[in-house]
């Protein structure tokens, strides 16, 4: 069980950095044209993830921006592990995103933020 301080620190990280959407919902992946993004996808400006880029962010359809979970992803082909922040995602959207990251050489787990 992840404690409340963990989520509080994640809230601070998200609120203190700008979210930049570089792949809007419906856009096509630059290297994999058969994949289109089901939700807005971007990153936190001035942060760094395992791949040396900004921490990735998926943005769902809930009306209020809130941290709803994270995905821990491993890609054996890229020899890369990183997290993906889920903002304002419904249960269905979170499941859709984790399914995307559980294809091919990728594996991922979803850590949902407790709602109580």
PDB file of N, CA and C in Angstrom:
ATOM      1  N   UNK A   1       0.853  -1.181   0.000  1.00  0.00           N
ATOM      2  CA  UNK A   1       0.000   0.000   0.000  1.00  0.00           C
ATOM      3  C   UNK A   1       0.894   1.238   0.000  1.00  0.00           C
ATOM      4  N   UNK A   2       0.632   2.139  -0.917  1.00  0.00           N
ATOM      5  CA  UNK A   2       1.391   3.374  -1.007  1.00  0.00           C
ATOM      6  C   UNK A   2       0.779   4.382  -0.055  1.00  0.00           C
ATOM      7  N   UNK A   3       1.612   5.047   0.728  1.00  0.00           N
ATOM      8  CA  UNK A   3       1.087   5.993   1.713  1.00  0.00           C
ATOM      9  C   UNK A   3       0.666   7.318   1.082  1.00  0.00           C
ATOM     10  N   UNK A   4      -0.089   8.094   1.846  1.00  0.00           N
ATOM     11  CA  UNK A   4      -0.615   9.366   1.374  1.00  0.00           C
ATOM     12  C   UNK A   4       0.463  10.372   1.017  1.00  0.00           C
ATOM     13  N   UNK A   5       1.607  10.325   1.704  1.00  0.00           N
ATOM     14  CA  UNK A   5       2.688  11.259   1.424  1.00  0.00           C
ATOM     15  C   UNK A   5       3.205  11.085  -0.006  1.00  0.00           C
ATOM     16  N   UNK A   6       3.241   9.856  -0.475  1.00  0.00           N
ATOM     17  CA  UNK A   6       3.657   9.562  -1.847  1.00  0.00           C
ATOM     18  C   UNK A   6       2.771  10.323  -2.829  1.00  0.00           C
ATOM     19  N   UNK A   7       1.458  10.223  -2.667  1.00  0.00           N
ATOM     20  CA  UNK A   7       0.523  10.886  -3.574  1.00  0.00           C
ATOM     21  C   UNK A   7       0.603  12.401  -3.419  1.00  0.00           C
ATOM     22  N   UNK A   8       0.801  12.861  -2.205  1.00  0.00           N
ATOM     23  CA  UNK A   8       0.944  14.298  -1.975  1.00  0.00           C
ATOM     24  C   UNK A   8       2.168  14.841  -2.721  1.00  0.00           C
ATOM     25  N   UNK A   9       3.276  14.117  -2.672  1.00  0.00           N
ATOM     26  CA  UNK A   9       4.483  14.548  -3.371  1.00  0.00           C
ATOM     27  C   UNK A   9       4.277  14.532  -4.887  1.00  0.00           C
ATOM     28  N   UNK A  10       3.544  13.540  -5.377  1.00  0.00           N
ATOM     29  CA  UNK A  10       3.233  13.509  -6.804  1.00  0.00           C
ATOM     30  C   UNK A  10       2.355  14.692  -7.189  1.00  0.00           C
ATOM     31  N   UNK A  11       1.379  15.029  -6.326  1.00  0.00           N
ATOM     32  CA  UNK A  11       0.544  16.213  -6.575  1.00  0.00           C
ATOM     33  C   UNK A  11       1.411  17.457  -6.702  1.00  0.00           C
ATOM     34  N   UNK A  12       2.387  17.591  -5.817  1.00  0.00           N
ATOM     35  CA  UNK A  12       3.276  18.754  -5.854  1.00  0.00           C
ATOM     36  C   UNK A  12       4.098  18.781  -7.142  1.00  0.00           C
ATOM     37  N   UNK A  13       4.592  17.633  -7.570  1.00  0.00           N
ATOM     38  CA  UNK A  13       5.366  17.556  -8.808  1.00  0.00           C
ATOM     39  C   UNK A  13       4.523  18.010  -9.988  1.00  0.00           C
ATOM     40  N   UNK A  14       3.293  17.521 -10.070  1.00  0.00           N
ATOM     41  CA  UNK A  14       2.415  17.870 -11.187  1.00  0.00           C
ATOM     42  C   UNK A  14       2.028  19.342 -11.139  1.00  0.00           C
ATOM     43  N   UNK A  15       1.660  19.837  -9.948  1.00  0.00           N
ATOM     44  CA  UNK A  15       1.190  21.227  -9.858  1.00  0.00           C
ATOM     45  C   UNK A  15       2.314  22.248 -10.036  1.00  0.00           C
ATOM     46  N   UNK A  16       3.563  21.847  -9.815  1.00  0.00           N
ATOM     47  CA  UNK A  16       4.669  22.794  -9.935  1.00  0.00           C
ATOM     48  C   UNK A  16       5.346  22.763 -11.308  1.00  0.00           C
ATOM     49  N   UNK A  17       4.827  21.952 -12.227  1.00  0.00           N
ATOM     50  CA  UNK A  17       5.386  21.858 -13.575  1.00  0.00           C
ATOM     51  C   UNK A  17       4.268  21.927 -14.605  1.00  0.00           C
ATOM     52  N   UNK A  18       4.572  22.514 -15.728  1.00  0.00           N
ATOM     53  CA  UNK A  18       3.610  22.635 -16.813  1.00  0.00           C
ATOM     54  C   UNK A  18       3.475  21.308 -17.549  1.00  0.00           C
ATOM     55  N   UNK A  19       2.235  20.938 -17.872  1.00  0.00           N
ATOM     56  CA  UNK A  19       1.993  19.767 -18.712  1.00  0.00           C
ATOM     57  C   UNK A  19       1.963  20.241 -20.156  1.00  0.00           C
ATOM     58  N   UNK A  20       2.816  19.661 -20.984  1.00  0.00           N
ATOM     59  CA  UNK A  20       2.845  19.990 -22.407  1.00  0.00           C
ATOM     60  C   UNK A  20       2.306  18.786 -23.180  1.00  0.00           C
ATOM     61  N   UNK A  21       1.226  19.006 -23.908  1.00  0.00           N
ATOM     62  CA  UNK A  21       0.645  17.944 -24.732  1.00  0.00           C
ATOM     63  C   UNK A  21       1.298  18.029 -26.108  1.00  0.00           C
ATOM     64  N   UNK A  22       2.073  17.008 -26.448  1.00  0.00           N
ATOM     65  CA  UNK A  22       2.721  17.006 -27.757  1.00  0.00           C
ATOM     66  C   UNK A  22       2.107  15.979 -28.703  1.00  0.00           C
ATOM     67  N   UNK A  23       1.183  15.174 -28.176  1.00  0.00           N
ATOM     68  CA  UNK A  23       0.481  14.193 -29.006  1.00  0.00           C
ATOM     69  C   UNK A  23      -0.997  14.205 -28.611  1.00  0.00           C
ATOM     70  N   UNK A  24      -1.773  15.074 -29.231  1.00  0.00           N
ATOM     71  CA  UNK A  24      -3.186  15.198 -28.873  1.00  0.00           C
ATOM     72  C   UNK A  24      -3.979  13.929 -29.211  1.00  0.00           C
ATOM     73  N   UNK A  25      -5.078  13.768 -28.515  1.00  0.00           N
ATOM     74  CA  UNK A  25      -5.988  12.649 -28.760  1.00  0.00           C
ATOM     75  C   UNK A  25      -6.277  12.559 -30.256  1.00  0.00           C
ATOM     76  N   UNK A  26      -6.151  11.342 -30.799  1.00  0.00           N
ATOM     77  CA  UNK A  26      -6.414  11.115 -32.216  1.00  0.00           C
ATOM     78  C   UNK A  26      -5.207  11.263 -33.119  1.00  0.00           C
ATOM     79  N   UNK A  27      -4.105  11.835 -32.602  1.00  0.00           N
ATOM     80  CA  UNK A  27      -2.908  11.983 -33.438  1.00  0.00           C
ATOM     81  C   UNK A  27      -2.222  10.624 -33.613  1.00  0.00           C
ATOM     82  N   UNK A  28      -1.421  10.529 -34.649  1.00  0.00           N
ATOM     83  CA  UNK A  28      -0.733   9.285 -34.990  1.00  0.00           C
ATOM     84  C   UNK A  28       0.672   9.313 -34.413  1.00  0.00           C
ATOM     85  N   UNK A  29       1.108   8.155 -33.895  1.00  0.00           N
ATOM     86  CA  UNK A  29       2.468   8.038 -33.357  1.00  0.00           C
ATOM     87  C   UNK A  29       3.477   8.294 -34.476  1.00  0.00           C
ATOM     88  N   UNK A  30       4.544   9.078 -34.195  1.00  0.00           N
ATOM     89  CA  UNK A  30       5.503   9.425 -35.249  1.00  0.00           C
ATOM     90  C   UNK A  30       6.274   8.241 -35.836  1.00  0.00           C
ATOM     91  N   UNK A  31       6.507   7.183 -35.068  1.00  0.00           N
ATOM     92  CA  UNK A  31       7.251   6.022 -35.582  1.00  0.00           C
ATOM     93  C   UNK A  31       6.372   4.818 -35.875  1.00  0.00           C
ATOM     94  N   UNK A  32       5.151   4.809 -35.335  1.00  0.00           N
ATOM     95  CA  UNK A  32       4.242   3.674 -35.504  1.00  0.00           C
ATOM     96  C   UNK A  32       2.907   4.191 -36.028  1.00  0.00           C
ATOM     97  N   UNK A  33       2.792   4.396 -37.337  1.00  0.00           N
ATOM     98  CA  UNK A  33       1.616   5.045 -37.904  1.00  0.00           C
ATOM     99  C   UNK A  33       0.304   4.285 -37.707  1.00  0.00           C
ATOM    100  N   UNK A  34       0.377   3.025 -37.337  1.00  0.00           N
ATOM    101  CA  UNK A  34      -0.860   2.279 -37.094  1.00  0.00           C
ATOM    102  C   UNK A  34      -1.448   2.587 -35.713  1.00  0.00           C
ATOM    103  N   UNK A  35      -0.699   3.326 -34.874  1.00  0.00           N
ATOM    104  CA  UNK A  35      -1.170   3.654 -33.530  1.00  0.00           C
ATOM    105  C   UNK A  35      -1.602   5.109 -33.466  1.00  0.00           C
ATOM    106  N   UNK A  36      -2.836   5.324 -33.015  1.00  0.00           N
ATOM    107  CA  UNK A  36      -3.286   6.696 -32.760  1.00  0.00           C
ATOM    108  C   UNK A  36      -3.603   6.817 -31.275  1.00  0.00           C
ATOM    109  N   UNK A  37      -3.337   7.963 -30.738  1.00  0.00           N
ATOM    110  CA  UNK A  37      -3.475   8.199 -29.296  1.00  0.00           C
ATOM    111  C   UNK A  37      -4.948   8.315 -28.910  1.00  0.00           C
ATOM    112  N   UNK A  38      -5.404   7.463 -27.971  1.00  0.00           N
ATOM    113  CA  UNK A  38      -6.807   7.505 -27.558  1.00  0.00           C
ATOM    114  C   UNK A  38      -7.112   8.658 -26.595  1.00  0.00           C
ATOM    115  N   UNK A  39      -6.070   9.226 -26.008  1.00  0.00           N
ATOM    116  CA  UNK A  39      -6.189  10.349 -25.071  1.00  0.00           C
ATOM    117  C   UNK A  39      -5.040  11.314 -25.345  1.00  0.00           C
ATOM    118  N   UNK A  40      -5.139  12.517 -24.817  1.00  0.00           N
ATOM    119  CA  UNK A  40      -4.018  13.449 -24.911  1.00  0.00           C
ATOM    120  C   UNK A  40      -2.814  12.846 -24.187  1.00  0.00           C
ATOM    121  N   UNK A  41      -1.639  13.034 -24.781  1.00  0.00           N
ATOM    122  CA  UNK A  41      -0.399  12.475 -24.233  1.00  0.00           C
ATOM    123  C   UNK A  41       0.680  13.539 -24.310  1.00  0.00           C
ATOM    124  N   UNK A  42       1.447  13.669 -23.262  1.00  0.00           N
ATOM    125  CA  UNK A  42       2.521  14.653 -23.254  1.00  0.00           C
ATOM    126  C   UNK A  42       3.498  14.368 -22.146  1.00  0.00           C
ATOM    127  N   UNK A  43       4.005  15.451 -21.554  1.00  0.00           N
ATOM    128  CA  UNK A  43       5.022  15.285 -20.517  1.00  0.00           C
ATOM    129  C   UNK A  43       5.019  16.504 -19.602  1.00  0.00           C
ATOM    130  N   UNK A  44       5.671  16.337 -18.453  1.00  0.00           N
ATOM    131  CA  UNK A  44       5.861  17.450 -17.522  1.00  0.00           C
ATOM    132  C   UNK A  44       7.139  18.185 -17.913  1.00  0.00           C
ATOM    133  N   UNK A  45       6.997  19.466 -18.202  1.00  0.00           N
ATOM    134  CA  UNK A  45       8.136  20.299 -18.577  1.00  0.00           C
ATOM    135  C   UNK A  45       9.099  20.396 -17.379  1.00  0.00           C
ATOM    136  N   UNK A  46      10.379  20.430 -17.663  1.00  0.00           N
ATOM    137  CA  UNK A  46      11.437  20.558 -16.656  1.00  0.00           C
ATOM    138  C   UNK A  46      11.480  19.399 -15.661  1.00  0.00           C
ATOM    139  N   UNK A  47      11.138  18.191 -16.161  1.00  0.00           N
ATOM    140  CA  UNK A  47      11.319  16.969 -15.378  1.00  0.00           C
ATOM    141  C   UNK A  47      12.115  15.997 -16.241  1.00  0.00           C
ATOM    142  N   UNK A  48      12.548  14.902 -15.643  1.00  0.00           N
ATOM    143  CA  UNK A  48      13.316  13.918 -16.401  1.00  0.00           C
ATOM    144  C   UNK A  48      12.900  12.523 -15.989  1.00  0.00           C
ATOM    145  N   UNK A  49      12.626  11.701 -16.978  1.00  0.00           N
ATOM    146  CA  UNK A  49      12.246  10.316 -16.767  1.00  0.00           C
ATOM    147  C   UNK A  49      13.414   9.406 -17.120  1.00  0.00           C
ATOM    148  N   UNK A  50      13.161   8.108 -17.076  1.00  0.00           N
ATOM    149  CA  UNK A  50      14.207   7.126 -17.354  1.00  0.00           C
ATOM    150  C   UNK A  50      14.790   7.218 -18.741  1.00  0.00           C
ATOM    151  N   UNK A  51      14.017   7.768 -19.695  1.00  0.00           N
ATOM    152  CA  UNK A  51      14.513   7.880 -21.067  1.00  0.00           C
ATOM    153  C   UNK A  51      15.214   9.208 -21.327  1.00  0.00           C
ATOM    154  N   UNK A  52      15.402  10.014 -20.274  1.00  0.00           N
ATOM    155  CA  UNK A  52      16.072  11.292 -20.409  1.00  0.00           C
ATOM    156  C   UNK A  52      15.155  12.428 -20.837  1.00  0.00           C
ATOM    157  N   UNK A  53      13.915  12.120 -21.141  1.00  0.00           N
ATOM    158  CA  UNK A  53      12.925  13.122 -21.538  1.00  0.00           C
ATOM    159  C   UNK A  53      12.059  13.466 -20.328  1.00  0.00           C
ATOM    160  N   UNK A  54      11.118  14.386 -20.510  1.00  0.00           N
ATOM    161  CA  UNK A  54      10.194  14.734 -19.435  1.00  0.00           C
ATOM    162  C   UNK A  54       9.323  13.552 -19.029  1.00  0.00           C
ATOM    163  N   UNK A  55       8.843  13.563 -17.802  1.00  0.00           N
ATOM    164  CA  UNK A  55       7.980  12.491 -17.312  1.00  0.00           C
ATOM    165  C   UNK A  55       6.686  12.491 -18.124  1.00  0.00           C
ATOM    166  N   UNK A  56       6.332  11.328 -18.677  1.00  0.00           N
ATOM    167  CA  UNK A  56       5.163  11.191 -19.537  1.00  0.00           C
ATOM    168  C   UNK A  56       3.872  11.351 -18.746  1.00  0.00           C
ATOM    169  N   UNK A  57       2.866  11.912 -19.429  1.00  0.00           N
ATOM    170  CA  UNK A  57       1.557  12.156 -18.821  1.00  0.00           C
ATOM    171  C   UNK A  57       0.465  11.787 -19.815  1.00  0.00           C
ATOM    172  N   UNK A  58      -0.490  10.975 -19.372  1.00  0.00           N
ATOM    173  CA  UNK A  58      -1.729  10.713 -20.103  1.00  0.00           C
ATOM    174  C   UNK A  58      -2.802  11.558 -19.440  1.00  0.00           C
ATOM    175  N   UNK A  59      -3.645  12.203 -20.244  1.00  0.00           N
ATOM    176  CA  UNK A  59      -4.695  13.060 -19.698  1.00  0.00           C
ATOM    177  C   UNK A  59      -6.052  12.544 -20.147  1.00  0.00           C
ATOM    178  N   UNK A  60      -6.882  12.204 -19.144  1.00  0.00           N
ATOM    179  CA  UNK A  60      -8.194  11.644 -19.414  1.00  0.00           C
ATOM    180  C   UNK A  60      -9.287  12.683 -19.507  1.00  0.00           C
ATOM    181  N   UNK A  61     -10.516  12.232 -19.331  1.00  0.00           N
ATOM    182  CA  UNK A  61     -11.690  13.060 -19.603  1.00  0.00           C
ATOM    183  C   UNK A  61     -12.387  13.622 -18.371  1.00  0.00           C
ATOM    184  N   UNK A  62     -11.887  13.320 -17.164  1.00  0.00           N
ATOM    185  CA  UNK A  62     -12.536  13.879 -15.979  1.00  0.00           C
ATOM    186  C   UNK A  62     -12.416  15.397 -16.008  1.00  0.00           C
ATOM    187  N   UNK A  63     -13.449  16.114 -15.551  1.00  0.00           N
ATOM    188  CA  UNK A  63     -13.461  17.576 -15.688  1.00  0.00           C
ATOM    189  C   UNK A  63     -12.452  18.324 -14.816  1.00  0.00           C
ATOM    190  N   UNK A  64     -12.019  17.732 -13.715  1.00  0.00           N
ATOM    191  CA  UNK A  64     -11.079  18.390 -12.810  1.00  0.00           C
ATOM    192  C   UNK A  64      -9.719  17.707 -12.946  1.00  0.00           C
ATOM    193  N   UNK A  65      -8.649  18.517 -13.097  1.00  0.00           N
ATOM    194  CA  UNK A  65      -7.325  17.923 -13.209  1.00  0.00           C
ATOM    195  C   UNK A  65      -6.902  17.368 -11.861  1.00  0.00           C
ATOM    196  N   UNK A  66      -6.778  16.066 -11.799  1.00  0.00           N
ATOM    197  CA  UNK A  66      -6.359  15.393 -10.576  1.00  0.00           C
ATOM    198  C   UNK A  66      -5.533  14.162 -10.934  1.00  0.00           C
ATOM    199  N   UNK A  67      -4.565  13.859 -10.117  1.00  0.00           N
ATOM    200  CA  UNK A  67      -3.720  12.685 -10.312  1.00  0.00           C
ATOM    201  C   UNK A  67      -4.535  11.443  -9.948  1.00  0.00           C
ATOM    202  N   UNK A  68      -4.805  10.595 -10.928  1.00  0.00           N
ATOM    203  CA  UNK A  68      -5.640   9.415 -10.678  1.00  0.00           C
ATOM    204  C   UNK A  68      -4.833   8.129 -10.566  1.00  0.00           C
ATOM    205  N   UNK A  69      -3.577   8.140 -10.994  1.00  0.00           N
ATOM    206  CA  UNK A  69      -2.754   6.943 -10.890  1.00  0.00           C
ATOM    207  C   UNK A  69      -1.448   7.120 -11.632  1.00  0.00           C
ATOM    208  N   UNK A  70      -0.662   6.057 -11.625  1.00  0.00           N
ATOM    209  CA  UNK A  70       0.577   6.011 -12.403  1.00  0.00           C
ATOM    210  C   UNK A  70       0.695   4.632 -13.032  1.00  0.00           C
ATOM    211  N   UNK A  71       1.451   4.570 -14.084  1.00  0.00           N
ATOM    212  CA  UNK A  71       1.784   3.295 -14.713  1.00  0.00           C
ATOM    213  C   UNK A  71       3.296   3.142 -14.646  1.00  0.00           C
ATOM    214  N   UNK A  72       3.726   1.994 -14.213  1.00  0.00           N
ATOM    215  CA  UNK A  72       5.144   1.637 -14.242  1.00  0.00           C
ATOM    216  C   UNK A  72       5.332   0.723 -15.446  1.00  0.00           C
ATOM    217  N   UNK A  73       6.143   1.163 -16.399  1.00  0.00           N
ATOM    218  CA  UNK A  73       6.274   0.451 -17.668  1.00  0.00           C
ATOM    219  C   UNK A  73       7.713   0.001 -17.908  1.00  0.00           C
ATOM    220  N   UNK A  74       7.839  -1.155 -18.524  1.00  0.00           N
ATOM    221  CA  UNK A  74       9.130  -1.723 -18.909  1.00  0.00           C
ATOM    222  C   UNK A  74       9.053  -2.061 -20.389  1.00  0.00           C
ATOM    223  N   UNK A  75      10.038  -1.627 -21.156  1.00  0.00           N
ATOM    224  CA  UNK A  75      10.098  -1.940 -22.575  1.00  0.00           C
ATOM    225  C   UNK A  75      11.414  -2.666 -22.829  1.00  0.00           C
ATOM    226  N   UNK A  76      11.329  -3.966 -23.060  1.00  0.00           N
ATOM    227  CA  UNK A  76      12.542  -4.770 -23.261  1.00  0.00           C
ATOM    228  C   UNK A  76      13.258  -4.413 -24.556  1.00  0.00           C
ATOM    229  N   UNK A  77      12.499  -4.062 -25.594  1.00  0.00           N
ATOM    230  CA  UNK A  77      13.126  -3.708 -26.868  1.00  0.00           C
ATOM    231  C   UNK A  77      13.979  -2.451 -26.723  1.00  0.00           C
ATOM    232  N   UNK A  78      13.458  -1.452 -26.027  1.00  0.00           N
ATOM    233  CA  UNK A  78      14.210  -0.209 -25.825  1.00  0.00           C
ATOM    234  C   UNK A  78      15.151  -0.298 -24.629  1.00  0.00           C
ATOM    235  N   UNK A  79      15.036  -1.392 -23.841  1.00  0.00           N
ATOM    236  CA  UNK A  79      15.825  -1.569 -22.623  1.00  0.00           C
ATOM    237  C   UNK A  79      15.615  -0.366 -21.700  1.00  0.00           C
ATOM    238  N   UNK A  80      14.325  -0.072 -21.457  1.00  0.00           N
ATOM    239  CA  UNK A  80      13.916   1.155 -20.795  1.00  0.00           C
ATOM    240  C   UNK A  80      12.820   0.850 -19.776  1.00  0.00           C
ATOM    241  N   UNK A  81      12.862   1.541 -18.658  1.00  0.00           N
ATOM    242  CA  UNK A  81      11.801   1.475 -17.658  1.00  0.00           C
ATOM    243  C   UNK A  81      11.463   2.900 -17.248  1.00  0.00           C
ATOM    244  N   UNK A  82      10.183   3.190 -17.117  1.00  0.00           N
ATOM    245  CA  UNK A  82       9.769   4.526 -16.710  1.00  0.00           C
ATOM    246  C   UNK A  82       8.350   4.509 -16.168  1.00  0.00           C
ATOM    247  N   UNK A  83       7.956   5.663 -15.640  1.00  0.00           N
ATOM    248  CA  UNK A  83       6.592   5.820 -15.159  1.00  0.00           C
ATOM    249  C   UNK A  83       5.829   6.736 -16.096  1.00  0.00           C
ATOM    250  N   UNK A  84       4.523   6.597 -16.055  1.00  0.00           N
ATOM    251  CA  UNK A  84       3.619   7.453 -16.812  1.00  0.00           C
ATOM    252  C   UNK A  84       2.581   7.959 -15.808  1.00  0.00           C
ATOM    253  N   UNK A  85       2.407   9.259 -15.741  1.00  0.00           N
ATOM    254  CA  UNK A  85       1.429   9.853 -14.833  1.00  0.00           C
ATOM    255  C   UNK A  85       0.070   9.862 -15.519  1.00  0.00           C
ATOM    256  N   UNK A  86      -0.961   9.514 -14.769  1.00  0.00           N
ATOM    257  CA  UNK A  86      -2.328   9.525 -15.277  1.00  0.00           C
ATOM    258  C   UNK A  86      -3.077  10.664 -14.606  1.00  0.00           C
ATOM    259  N   UNK A  87      -3.489  11.644 -15.395  1.00  0.00           N
ATOM    260  CA  UNK A  87      -4.226  12.787 -14.873  1.00  0.00           C
ATOM    261  C   UNK A  87      -5.676  12.712 -15.344  1.00  0.00           C
ATOM    262  N   UNK A  88      -6.584  12.871 -14.407  1.00  0.00           N
ATOM    263  CA  UNK A  88      -8.007  13.004 -14.723  1.00  0.00           C
ATOM    264  C   UNK A  88      -8.549  11.849 -15.551  1.00  0.00           C
ATOM    265  N   UNK A  89      -8.083  10.641 -15.278  1.00  0.00           N
ATOM    266  CA  UNK A  89      -8.507   9.463 -16.035  1.00  0.00           C
ATOM    267  C   UNK A  89      -9.615   8.703 -15.303  1.00  0.00           C
ATOM    268  N   UNK A  90     -10.597   8.256 -16.061  1.00  0.00           N
ATOM    269  CA  UNK A  90     -11.638   7.377 -15.525  1.00  0.00           C
ATOM    270  C   UNK A  90     -11.047   5.975 -15.363  1.00  0.00           C
ATOM    271  N   UNK A  91     -11.783   5.094 -14.700  1.00  0.00           N
ATOM    272  CA  UNK A  91     -11.344   3.697 -14.547  1.00  0.00           C
ATOM    273  C   UNK A  91     -11.115   3.070 -15.918  1.00  0.00           C
ATOM    274  N   UNK A  92     -12.043   3.308 -16.841  1.00  0.00           N
ATOM    275  CA  UNK A  92     -11.939   2.726 -18.180  1.00  0.00           C
ATOM    276  C   UNK A  92     -10.715   3.270 -18.920  1.00  0.00           C
ATOM    277  N   UNK A  93     -10.461   4.556 -18.789  1.00  0.00           N
ATOM    278  CA  UNK A  93      -9.292   5.146 -19.455  1.00  0.00           C
ATOM    279  C   UNK A  93      -7.994   4.600 -18.879  1.00  0.00           C
ATOM    280  N   UNK A  94      -7.942   4.439 -17.553  1.00  0.00           N
ATOM    281  CA  UNK A  94      -6.726   3.875 -16.949  1.00  0.00           C
ATOM    282  C   UNK A  94      -6.481   2.464 -17.460  1.00  0.00           C
ATOM    283  N   UNK A  95      -7.534   1.665 -17.558  1.00  0.00           N
ATOM    284  CA  UNK A  95      -7.390   0.297 -18.049  1.00  0.00           C
ATOM    285  C   UNK A  95      -6.962   0.295 -19.517  1.00  0.00           C
ATOM    286  N   UNK A  96      -7.526   1.186 -20.311  1.00  0.00           N
ATOM    287  CA  UNK A  96      -7.151   1.303 -21.714  1.00  0.00           C
ATOM    288  C   UNK A  96      -5.659   1.633 -21.851  1.00  0.00           C
ATOM    289  N   UNK A  97      -5.174   2.541 -21.028  1.00  0.00           N
ATOM    290  CA  UNK A  97      -3.774   2.948 -21.105  1.00  0.00           C
ATOM    291  C   UNK A  97      -2.841   1.814 -20.674  1.00  0.00           C
ATOM    292  N   UNK A  98      -3.170   1.130 -19.586  1.00  0.00           N
ATOM    293  CA  UNK A  98      -2.305   0.026 -19.155  1.00  0.00           C
ATOM    294  C   UNK A  98      -2.302  -1.082 -20.208  1.00  0.00           C
ATOM    295  N   UNK A  99      -3.429  -1.304 -20.880  1.00  0.00           N
ATOM    296  CA  UNK A  99      -3.467  -2.308 -21.954  1.00  0.00           C
ATOM    297  C   UNK A  99      -2.539  -1.919 -23.095  1.00  0.00           C
ATOM    298  N   UNK A 100      -2.475  -0.630 -23.424  1.00  0.00           N
ATOM    299  CA  UNK A 100      -1.568  -0.149 -24.476  1.00  0.00           C
ATOM    300  C   UNK A 100      -0.122  -0.471 -24.105  1.00  0.00           C
ATOM    301  N   UNK A 101       0.207  -0.296 -22.828  1.00  0.00           N
ATOM    302  CA  UNK A 101       1.587  -0.520 -22.379  1.00  0.00           C
ATOM    303  C   UNK A 101       1.878  -1.987 -22.065  1.00  0.00           C
ATOM    304  N   UNK A 102       0.919  -2.857 -22.305  1.00  0.00           N
ATOM    305  CA  UNK A 102       1.117  -4.297 -22.147  1.00  0.00           C
ATOM    306  C   UNK A 102       1.017  -4.995 -23.500  1.00  0.00           C
ATOM    307  N   UNK A 103       1.702  -4.461 -24.494  1.00  0.00           N
ATOM    308  CA  UNK A 103       1.722  -5.058 -25.823  1.00  0.00           C
ATOM    309  C   UNK A 103       3.160  -5.208 -26.298  1.00  0.00           C
ATOM    310  N   UNK A 104       3.366  -6.144 -27.193  1.00  0.00           N
ATOM    311  CA  UNK A 104       4.700  -6.348 -27.772  1.00  0.00           C
ATOM    312  C   UNK A 104       5.745  -6.620 -26.709  1.00  0.00           C
ATOM    313  N   UNK A 105       6.819  -5.872 -26.747  1.00  0.00           N
ATOM    314  CA  UNK A 105       7.929  -6.076 -25.807  1.00  0.00           C
ATOM    315  C   UNK A 105       7.735  -5.296 -24.510  1.00  0.00           C
ATOM    316  N   UNK A 106       6.553  -4.696 -24.335  1.00  0.00           N
ATOM    317  CA  UNK A 106       6.294  -3.878 -23.152  1.00  0.00           C
ATOM    318  C   UNK A 106       5.494  -4.649 -22.099  1.00  0.00           C
ATOM    319  N   UNK A 107       5.732  -4.306 -20.851  1.00  0.00           N
ATOM    320  CA  UNK A 107       4.929  -4.779 -19.735  1.00  0.00           C
ATOM    321  C   UNK A 107       4.711  -3.595 -18.808  1.00  0.00           C
ATOM    322  N   UNK A 108       3.545  -3.549 -18.168  1.00  0.00           N
ATOM    323  CA  UNK A 108       3.240  -2.424 -17.291  1.00  0.00           C
ATOM    324  C   UNK A 108       2.279  -2.841 -16.190  1.00  0.00           C
ATOM    325  N   UNK A 109       2.337  -2.088 -15.097  1.00  0.00           N
ATOM    326  CA  UNK A 109       1.355  -2.257 -14.033  1.00  0.00           C
ATOM    327  C   UNK A 109       0.735  -0.895 -13.747  1.00  0.00           C
ATOM    328  N   UNK A 110      -0.497  -0.932 -13.328  1.00  0.00           N
ATOM    329  CA  UNK A 110      -1.242   0.270 -12.980  1.00  0.00           C
ATOM    330  C   UNK A 110      -1.300   0.388 -11.464  1.00  0.00           C
ATOM    331  N   UNK A 111      -0.957   1.554 -10.959  1.00  0.00           N
ATOM    332  CA  UNK A 111      -1.108   1.850  -9.532  1.00  0.00           C
ATOM    333  C   UNK A 111      -2.141   2.959  -9.437  1.00  0.00           C
ATOM    334  N   UNK A 112      -3.326   2.613  -8.960  1.00  0.00           N
ATOM    335  CA  UNK A 112      -4.406   3.580  -8.853  1.00  0.00           C
ATOM    336  C   UNK A 112      -4.313   4.344  -7.529  1.00  0.00           C
ATOM    337  N   UNK A 113      -4.636   5.609  -7.596  1.00  0.00           N
ATOM    338  CA  UNK A 113      -4.675   6.412  -6.390  1.00  0.00           C
ATOM    339  C   UNK A 113      -5.927   6.051  -5.594  1.00  0.00           C
ATOM    340  N   UNK A 114      -5.778   5.792  -4.317  1.00  0.00           N
ATOM    341  CA  UNK A 114      -6.963   5.497  -3.503  1.00  0.00           C
ATOM    342  C   UNK A 114      -7.917   6.692  -3.517  1.00  0.00           C
ATOM    343  N   UNK A 115      -9.203   6.428  -3.531  1.00  0.00           N
ATOM    344  CA  UNK A 115     -10.191   7.497  -3.626  1.00  0.00           C
ATOM    345  C   UNK A 115     -10.733   7.928  -2.279  1.00  0.00           C
ATOM    346  N   UNK A 116     -10.287   7.343  -1.198  1.00  0.00           N
ATOM    347  CA  UNK A 116     -10.815   7.731   0.119  1.00  0.00           C
ATOM    348  C   UNK A 116      -9.993   8.797   0.783  1.00  0.00           C
TER     349      UNK A 116
END
